């Protein structure tokens, strides 16, 4: 996850203090493990969530992660 962390998040995110960085890293960890599709897991997430089971694309809304940097569809 180190290279993904740097490329996908830290290169695009400003942080002001160590506490701010820690809070943002925890948010990215939640997104990365619970919502981001992983090719090595055949599009699944490491941690199963209701959203990882699939979304009915006729009725959905966007769920923002990491202060809006990433968005995933969720059931409405």
PDB file of N, CA and C in Angstrom:
ATOM      1  N   UNK A   1       0.822  -1.182   0.000  1.00  0.00           N
ATOM      2  CA  UNK A   1       0.000   0.000   0.000  1.00  0.00           C
ATOM      3  C   UNK A   1       0.873   1.256   0.000  1.00  0.00           C
ATOM      4  N   UNK A   2       2.130   1.167   0.315  1.00  0.00           N
ATOM      5  CA  UNK A   2       2.976   2.354   0.410  1.00  0.00           C
ATOM      6  C   UNK A   2       3.003   3.169  -0.870  1.00  0.00           C
ATOM      7  N   UNK A   3       3.221   2.514  -2.017  1.00  0.00           N
ATOM      8  CA  UNK A   3       3.287   3.271  -3.266  1.00  0.00           C
ATOM      9  C   UNK A   3       1.906   3.819  -3.646  1.00  0.00           C
ATOM     10  N   UNK A   4       0.848   3.042  -3.376  1.00  0.00           N
ATOM     11  CA  UNK A   4      -0.501   3.520  -3.647  1.00  0.00           C
ATOM     12  C   UNK A   4      -0.834   4.702  -2.744  1.00  0.00           C
ATOM     13  N   UNK A   5      -0.430   4.617  -1.508  1.00  0.00           N
ATOM     14  CA  UNK A   5      -0.667   5.711  -0.570  1.00  0.00           C
ATOM     15  C   UNK A   5      -0.033   6.998  -1.062  1.00  0.00           C
ATOM     16  N   UNK A   6       1.183   6.901  -1.502  1.00  0.00           N
ATOM     17  CA  UNK A   6       1.887   8.094  -1.994  1.00  0.00           C
ATOM     18  C   UNK A   6       1.262   8.603  -3.288  1.00  0.00           C
ATOM     19  N   UNK A   7       1.099   7.723  -4.263  1.00  0.00           N
ATOM     20  CA  UNK A   7       0.611   8.108  -5.587  1.00  0.00           C
ATOM     21  C   UNK A   7      -0.852   8.553  -5.556  1.00  0.00           C
ATOM     22  N   UNK A   8      -1.702   7.796  -4.869  1.00  0.00           N
ATOM     23  CA  UNK A   8      -3.137   8.061  -4.921  1.00  0.00           C
ATOM     24  C   UNK A   8      -3.605   9.120  -3.930  1.00  0.00           C
ATOM     25  N   UNK A   9      -2.824   9.355  -2.866  1.00  0.00           N
ATOM     26  CA  UNK A   9      -3.344  10.258  -1.854  1.00  0.00           C
ATOM     27  C   UNK A   9      -2.380  11.364  -1.444  1.00  0.00           C
ATOM     28  N   UNK A  10      -1.207  11.022  -0.965  1.00  0.00           N
ATOM     29  CA  UNK A  10      -0.326  12.049  -0.410  1.00  0.00           C
ATOM     30  C   UNK A  10       0.172  13.039  -1.453  1.00  0.00           C
ATOM     31  N   UNK A  11       0.336  12.603  -2.704  1.00  0.00           N
ATOM     32  CA  UNK A  11       0.762  13.531  -3.741  1.00  0.00           C
ATOM     33  C   UNK A  11      -0.314  14.566  -4.088  1.00  0.00           C
ATOM     34  N   UNK A  12      -1.557  14.314  -3.630  1.00  0.00           N
ATOM     35  CA  UNK A  12      -2.668  15.202  -3.962  1.00  0.00           C
ATOM     36  C   UNK A  12      -3.267  15.897  -2.743  1.00  0.00           C
ATOM     37  N   UNK A  13      -2.704  15.679  -1.573  1.00  0.00           N
ATOM     38  CA  UNK A  13      -3.305  16.166  -0.337  1.00  0.00           C
ATOM     39  C   UNK A  13      -2.332  17.031   0.451  1.00  0.00           C
ATOM     40  N   UNK A  14      -2.824  18.158   0.913  1.00  0.00           N
ATOM     41  CA  UNK A  14      -2.040  19.001   1.818  1.00  0.00           C
ATOM     42  C   UNK A  14      -2.392  18.647   3.250  1.00  0.00           C
ATOM     43  N   UNK A  15      -1.424  18.717   4.132  1.00  0.00           N
ATOM     44  CA  UNK A  15      -1.694  18.555   5.555  1.00  0.00           C
ATOM     45  C   UNK A  15      -0.889  19.597   6.306  1.00  0.00           C
ATOM     46  N   UNK A  16      -1.423  20.020   7.442  1.00  0.00           N
ATOM     47  CA  UNK A  16      -0.843  21.146   8.160  1.00  0.00           C
ATOM     48  C   UNK A  16      -0.077  20.737   9.407  1.00  0.00           C
ATOM     49  N   UNK A  17      -0.556  19.714  10.094  1.00  0.00           N
ATOM     50  CA  UNK A  17       0.098  19.252  11.313  1.00  0.00           C
ATOM     51  C   UNK A  17       0.139  17.734  11.303  1.00  0.00           C
ATOM     52  N   UNK A  18       0.856  17.162  12.256  1.00  0.00           N
ATOM     53  CA  UNK A  18       0.900  15.703  12.368  1.00  0.00           C
ATOM     54  C   UNK A  18      -0.492  15.143  12.663  1.00  0.00           C
ATOM     55  N   UNK A  19      -1.267  15.842  13.481  1.00  0.00           N
ATOM     56  CA  UNK A  19      -2.629  15.403  13.792  1.00  0.00           C
ATOM     57  C   UNK A  19      -3.519  15.448  12.548  1.00  0.00           C
ATOM     58  N   UNK A  20      -3.374  16.485  11.734  1.00  0.00           N
ATOM     59  CA  UNK A  20      -4.121  16.600  10.488  1.00  0.00           C
ATOM     60  C   UNK A  20      -3.745  15.465   9.540  1.00  0.00           C
ATOM     61  N   UNK A  21      -2.461  15.184   9.409  1.00  0.00           N
ATOM     62  CA  UNK A  21      -2.003  14.080   8.559  1.00  0.00           C
ATOM     63  C   UNK A  21      -2.557  12.752   9.056  1.00  0.00           C
ATOM     64  N   UNK A  22      -2.520  12.519  10.353  1.00  0.00           N
ATOM     65  CA  UNK A  22      -3.023  11.260  10.908  1.00  0.00           C
ATOM     66  C   UNK A  22      -4.509  11.082  10.621  1.00  0.00           C
ATOM     67  N   UNK A  23      -5.291  12.139  10.795  1.00  0.00           N
ATOM     68  CA  UNK A  23      -6.729  12.061  10.510  1.00  0.00           C
ATOM     69  C   UNK A  23      -6.977  11.754   9.035  1.00  0.00           C
ATOM     70  N   UNK A  24      -6.224  12.393   8.150  1.00  0.00           N
ATOM     71  CA  UNK A  24      -6.395  12.161   6.711  1.00  0.00           C
ATOM     72  C   UNK A  24      -5.943  10.757   6.314  1.00  0.00           C
ATOM     73  N   UNK A  25      -4.888  10.248   6.935  1.00  0.00           N
ATOM     74  CA  UNK A  25      -4.435   8.889   6.647  1.00  0.00           C
ATOM     75  C   UNK A  25      -5.448   7.852   7.126  1.00  0.00           C
ATOM     76  N   UNK A  26      -6.080   8.092   8.262  1.00  0.00           N
ATOM     77  CA  UNK A  26      -7.124   7.172   8.733  1.00  0.00           C
ATOM     78  C   UNK A  26      -8.315   7.161   7.774  1.00  0.00           C
ATOM     79  N   UNK A  27      -8.683   8.331   7.250  1.00  0.00           N
ATOM     80  CA  UNK A  27      -9.779   8.401   6.273  1.00  0.00           C
ATOM     81  C   UNK A  27      -9.400   7.646   5.002  1.00  0.00           C
ATOM     82  N   UNK A  28      -8.146   7.786   4.543  1.00  0.00           N
ATOM     83  CA  UNK A  28      -7.708   7.075   3.344  1.00  0.00           C
ATOM     84  C   UNK A  28      -7.678   5.571   3.595  1.00  0.00           C
ATOM     85  N   UNK A  29      -7.256   5.149   4.774  1.00  0.00           N
ATOM     86  CA  UNK A  29      -7.227   3.723   5.111  1.00  0.00           C
ATOM     87  C   UNK A  29      -8.628   3.129   5.048  1.00  0.00           C
ATOM     88  N   UNK A  30      -9.617   3.853   5.586  1.00  0.00           N
ATOM     89  CA  UNK A  30     -11.007   3.401   5.537  1.00  0.00           C
ATOM     90  C   UNK A  30     -11.470   3.269   4.087  1.00  0.00           C
ATOM     91  N   UNK A  31     -11.199   4.285   3.277  1.00  0.00           N
ATOM     92  CA  UNK A  31     -11.565   4.241   1.858  1.00  0.00           C
ATOM     93  C   UNK A  31     -10.852   3.093   1.142  1.00  0.00           C
ATOM     94  N   UNK A  32      -9.545   2.973   1.333  1.00  0.00           N
ATOM     95  CA  UNK A  32      -8.718   1.993   0.618  1.00  0.00           C
ATOM     96  C   UNK A  32      -9.157   0.564   0.925  1.00  0.00           C
ATOM     97  N   UNK A  33      -9.456   0.277   2.184  1.00  0.00           N
ATOM     98  CA  UNK A  33      -9.806  -1.095   2.569  1.00  0.00           C
ATOM     99  C   UNK A  33     -11.286  -1.418   2.471  1.00  0.00           C
ATOM    100  N   UNK A  34     -12.147  -0.407   2.513  1.00  0.00           N
ATOM    101  CA  UNK A  34     -13.571  -0.678   2.530  1.00  0.00           C
ATOM    102  C   UNK A  34     -14.337  -0.316   1.284  1.00  0.00           C
ATOM    103  N   UNK A  35     -13.770   0.522   0.430  1.00  0.00           N
ATOM    104  CA  UNK A  35     -14.538   1.012  -0.724  1.00  0.00           C
ATOM    105  C   UNK A  35     -13.807   0.921  -2.053  1.00  0.00           C
ATOM    106  N   UNK A  36     -12.496   0.980  -2.059  1.00  0.00           N
ATOM    107  CA  UNK A  36     -11.726   0.986  -3.307  1.00  0.00           C
ATOM    108  C   UNK A  36     -11.642  -0.435  -3.860  1.00  0.00           C
ATOM    109  N   UNK A  37     -11.985  -0.609  -5.132  1.00  0.00           N
ATOM    110  CA  UNK A  37     -11.890  -1.922  -5.774  1.00  0.00           C
ATOM    111  C   UNK A  37     -10.417  -2.270  -6.010  1.00  0.00           C
ATOM    112  N   UNK A  38     -10.054  -3.509  -5.719  1.00  0.00           N
ATOM    113  CA  UNK A  38      -8.672  -3.973  -5.873  1.00  0.00           C
ATOM    114  C   UNK A  38      -8.607  -5.001  -7.003  1.00  0.00           C
ATOM    115  N   UNK A  39      -7.763  -4.751  -7.984  1.00  0.00           N
ATOM    116  CA  UNK A  39      -7.633  -5.667  -9.116  1.00  0.00           C
ATOM    117  C   UNK A  39      -7.189  -7.052  -8.654  1.00  0.00           C
ATOM    118  N   UNK A  40      -6.286  -7.115  -7.674  1.00  0.00           N
ATOM    119  CA  UNK A  40      -5.802  -8.414  -7.209  1.00  0.00           C
ATOM    120  C   UNK A  40      -6.884  -9.205  -6.485  1.00  0.00           C
ATOM    121  N   UNK A  41      -7.955  -8.549  -6.079  1.00  0.00           N
ATOM    122  CA  UNK A  41      -9.080  -9.220  -5.420  1.00  0.00           C
ATOM    123  C   UNK A  41     -10.284  -9.317  -6.351  1.00  0.00           C
ATOM    124  N   UNK A  42     -10.023  -9.215  -7.638  1.00  0.00           N
ATOM    125  CA  UNK A  42     -11.069  -9.306  -8.678  1.00  0.00           C
ATOM    126  C   UNK A  42     -12.164  -8.257  -8.482  1.00  0.00           C
ATOM    127  N   UNK A  43     -11.739  -7.032  -8.183  1.00  0.00           N
ATOM    128  CA  UNK A  43     -12.676  -5.931  -8.051  1.00  0.00           C
ATOM    129  C   UNK A  43     -13.339  -5.815  -6.696  1.00  0.00           C
ATOM    130  N   UNK A  44     -13.019  -6.712  -5.774  1.00  0.00           N
ATOM    131  CA  UNK A  44     -13.602  -6.660  -4.438  1.00  0.00           C
ATOM    132  C   UNK A  44     -12.757  -5.775  -3.526  1.00  0.00           C
ATOM    133  N   UNK A  45     -13.251  -5.549  -2.326  1.00  0.00           N
ATOM    134  CA  UNK A  45     -12.523  -4.786  -1.321  1.00  0.00           C
ATOM    135  C   UNK A  45     -12.019  -5.739  -0.237  1.00  0.00           C
ATOM    136  N   UNK A  46     -10.912  -5.408   0.433  1.00  0.00           N
ATOM    137  CA  UNK A  46     -10.414  -6.278   1.491  1.00  0.00           C
ATOM    138  C   UNK A  46     -11.401  -6.450   2.650  1.00  0.00           C
ATOM    139  N   UNK A  47     -12.123  -5.387   2.991  1.00  0.00           N
ATOM    140  CA  UNK A  47     -13.114  -5.440   4.059  1.00  0.00           C
ATOM    141  C   UNK A  47     -14.485  -5.365   3.418  1.00  0.00           C
ATOM    142  N   UNK A  48     -15.336  -6.339   3.709  1.00  0.00           N
ATOM    143  CA  UNK A  48     -16.673  -6.358   3.118  1.00  0.00           C
ATOM    144  C   UNK A  48     -17.559  -5.293   3.747  1.00  0.00           C
ATOM    145  N   UNK A  49     -18.195  -4.489   2.903  1.00  0.00           N
ATOM    146  CA  UNK A  49     -19.162  -3.487   3.326  1.00  0.00           C
ATOM    147  C   UNK A  49     -20.418  -3.683   2.478  1.00  0.00           C
ATOM    148  N   UNK A  50     -21.547  -3.131   2.902  1.00  0.00           N
ATOM    149  CA  UNK A  50     -22.755  -3.258   2.072  1.00  0.00           C
ATOM    150  C   UNK A  50     -22.541  -2.716   0.661  1.00  0.00           C
ATOM    151  N   UNK A  51     -21.746  -1.641   0.534  1.00  0.00           N
ATOM    152  CA  UNK A  51     -21.507  -1.057  -0.780  1.00  0.00           C
ATOM    153  C   UNK A  51     -20.654  -1.962  -1.662  1.00  0.00           C
ATOM    154  N   UNK A  52     -19.801  -2.798  -1.056  1.00  0.00           N
ATOM    155  CA  UNK A  52     -18.928  -3.650  -1.855  1.00  0.00           C
ATOM    156  C   UNK A  52     -19.681  -4.814  -2.480  1.00  0.00           C
ATOM    157  N   UNK A  53     -20.911  -5.046  -2.035  1.00  0.00           N
ATOM    158  CA  UNK A  53     -21.715  -6.126  -2.591  1.00  0.00           C
ATOM    159  C   UNK A  53     -22.334  -5.750  -3.931  1.00  0.00           C
ATOM    160  N   UNK A  54     -22.309  -4.482  -4.267  1.00  0.00           N
ATOM    161  CA  UNK A  54     -22.881  -4.034  -5.537  1.00  0.00           C
ATOM    162  C   UNK A  54     -23.936  -2.975  -5.308  1.00  0.00           C
ATOM    163  N   UNK A  55     -24.173  -2.202  -6.325  1.00  0.00           N
ATOM    164  CA  UNK A  55     -25.122  -1.101  -6.244  1.00  0.00           C
ATOM    165  C   UNK A  55     -26.092  -1.220  -7.413  1.00  0.00           C
ATOM    166  N   UNK A  56     -27.365  -0.985  -7.145  1.00  0.00           N
ATOM    167  CA  UNK A  56     -28.355  -0.919  -8.203  1.00  0.00           C
ATOM    168  C   UNK A  56     -28.181   0.442  -8.881  1.00  0.00           C
ATOM    169  N   UNK A  57     -27.680   0.451 -10.089  1.00  0.00           N
ATOM    170  CA  UNK A  57     -27.359   1.709 -10.751  1.00  0.00           C
ATOM    171  C   UNK A  57     -28.584   2.459 -11.252  1.00  0.00           C
ATOM    172  N   UNK A  58     -29.774   1.938 -10.988  1.00  0.00           N
ATOM    173  CA  UNK A  58     -30.983   2.690 -11.293  1.00  0.00           C
ATOM    174  C   UNK A  58     -31.346   3.615 -10.135  1.00  0.00           C
ATOM    175  N   UNK A  59     -30.815   3.342  -8.951  1.00  0.00           N
ATOM    176  CA  UNK A  59     -31.129   4.136  -7.772  1.00  0.00           C
ATOM    177  C   UNK A  59     -29.887   4.191  -6.877  1.00  0.00           C
ATOM    178  N   UNK A  60     -29.061   5.220  -7.074  1.00  0.00           N
ATOM    179  CA  UNK A  60     -27.824   5.327  -6.305  1.00  0.00           C
ATOM    180  C   UNK A  60     -27.497   6.796  -6.040  1.00  0.00           C
ATOM    181  N   UNK A  61     -26.542   7.008  -5.150  1.00  0.00           N
ATOM    182  CA  UNK A  61     -26.010   8.342  -4.901  1.00  0.00           C
ATOM    183  C   UNK A  61     -24.511   8.196  -4.723  1.00  0.00           C
ATOM    184  N   UNK A  62     -23.802   9.300  -4.733  1.00  0.00           N
ATOM    185  CA  UNK A  62     -22.351   9.268  -4.598  1.00  0.00           C
ATOM    186  C   UNK A  62     -21.954   9.472  -3.142  1.00  0.00           C
ATOM    187  N   UNK A  63     -21.075   8.623  -2.656  1.00  0.00           N
ATOM    188  CA  UNK A  63     -20.537   8.716  -1.300  1.00  0.00           C
ATOM    189  C   UNK A  63     -19.122   9.291  -1.411  1.00  0.00           C
ATOM    190  N   UNK A  64     -18.884  10.410  -0.724  1.00  0.00           N
ATOM    191  CA  UNK A  64     -17.574  11.059  -0.803  1.00  0.00           C
ATOM    192  C   UNK A  64     -16.626  10.481   0.249  1.00  0.00           C
ATOM    193  N   UNK A  65     -15.371  10.313  -0.129  1.00  0.00           N
ATOM    194  CA  UNK A  65     -14.322   9.825   0.754  1.00  0.00           C
ATOM    195  C   UNK A  65     -13.161  10.813   0.723  1.00  0.00           C
ATOM    196  N   UNK A  66     -12.409  10.863   1.809  1.00  0.00           N
ATOM    197  CA  UNK A  66     -11.199  11.690   1.876  1.00  0.00           C
ATOM    198  C   UNK A  66     -11.478  13.133   1.475  1.00  0.00           C
ATOM    199  N   UNK A  67     -12.519  13.693   2.101  1.00  0.00           N
ATOM    200  CA  UNK A  67     -12.911  15.089   1.853  1.00  0.00           C
ATOM    201  C   UNK A  67     -13.238  15.371   0.391  1.00  0.00           C
ATOM    202  N   UNK A  68     -13.848  14.391  -0.267  1.00  0.00           N
ATOM    203  CA  UNK A  68     -14.298  14.568  -1.637  1.00  0.00           C
ATOM    204  C   UNK A  68     -13.295  14.204  -2.716  1.00  0.00           C
ATOM    205  N   UNK A  69     -12.090  13.764  -2.336  1.00  0.00           N
ATOM    206  CA  UNK A  69     -11.090  13.404  -3.339  1.00  0.00           C
ATOM    207  C   UNK A  69     -11.527  12.179  -4.132  1.00  0.00           C
ATOM    208  N   UNK A  70     -12.213  11.252  -3.479  1.00  0.00           N
ATOM    209  CA  UNK A  70     -12.709  10.033  -4.125  1.00  0.00           C
ATOM    210  C   UNK A  70     -14.204   9.948  -3.889  1.00  0.00           C
ATOM    211  N   UNK A  71     -14.921   9.335  -4.840  1.00  0.00           N
ATOM    212  CA  UNK A  71     -16.346   9.103  -4.705  1.00  0.00           C
ATOM    213  C   UNK A  71     -16.673   7.707  -5.193  1.00  0.00           C
ATOM    214  N   UNK A  72     -17.599   7.050  -4.484  1.00  0.00           N
ATOM    215  CA  UNK A  72     -18.059   5.732  -4.903  1.00  0.00           C
ATOM    216  C   UNK A  72     -19.587   5.725  -4.891  1.00  0.00           C
ATOM    217  N   UNK A  73     -20.220   4.951  -5.766  1.00  0.00           N
ATOM    218  CA  UNK A  73     -21.684   4.883  -5.761  1.00  0.00           C
ATOM    219  C   UNK A  73     -22.171   4.032  -4.600  1.00  0.00           C
ATOM    220  N   UNK A  74     -23.270   4.460  -3.959  1.00  0.00           N
ATOM    221  CA  UNK A  74     -23.899   3.695  -2.891  1.00  0.00           C
ATOM    222  C   UNK A  74     -25.397   3.665  -3.140  1.00  0.00           C
ATOM    223  N   UNK A  75     -26.062   2.685  -2.550  1.00  0.00           N
ATOM    224  CA  UNK A  75     -27.503   2.570  -2.718  1.00  0.00           C
ATOM    225  C   UNK A  75     -28.188   3.784  -2.114  1.00  0.00           C
ATOM    226  N   UNK A  76     -29.186   4.290  -2.818  1.00  0.00           N
ATOM    227  CA  UNK A  76     -29.914   5.483  -2.322  1.00  0.00           C
ATOM    228  C   UNK A  76     -31.046   5.078  -1.412  1.00  0.00           C
TER     229      UNK A  76
END
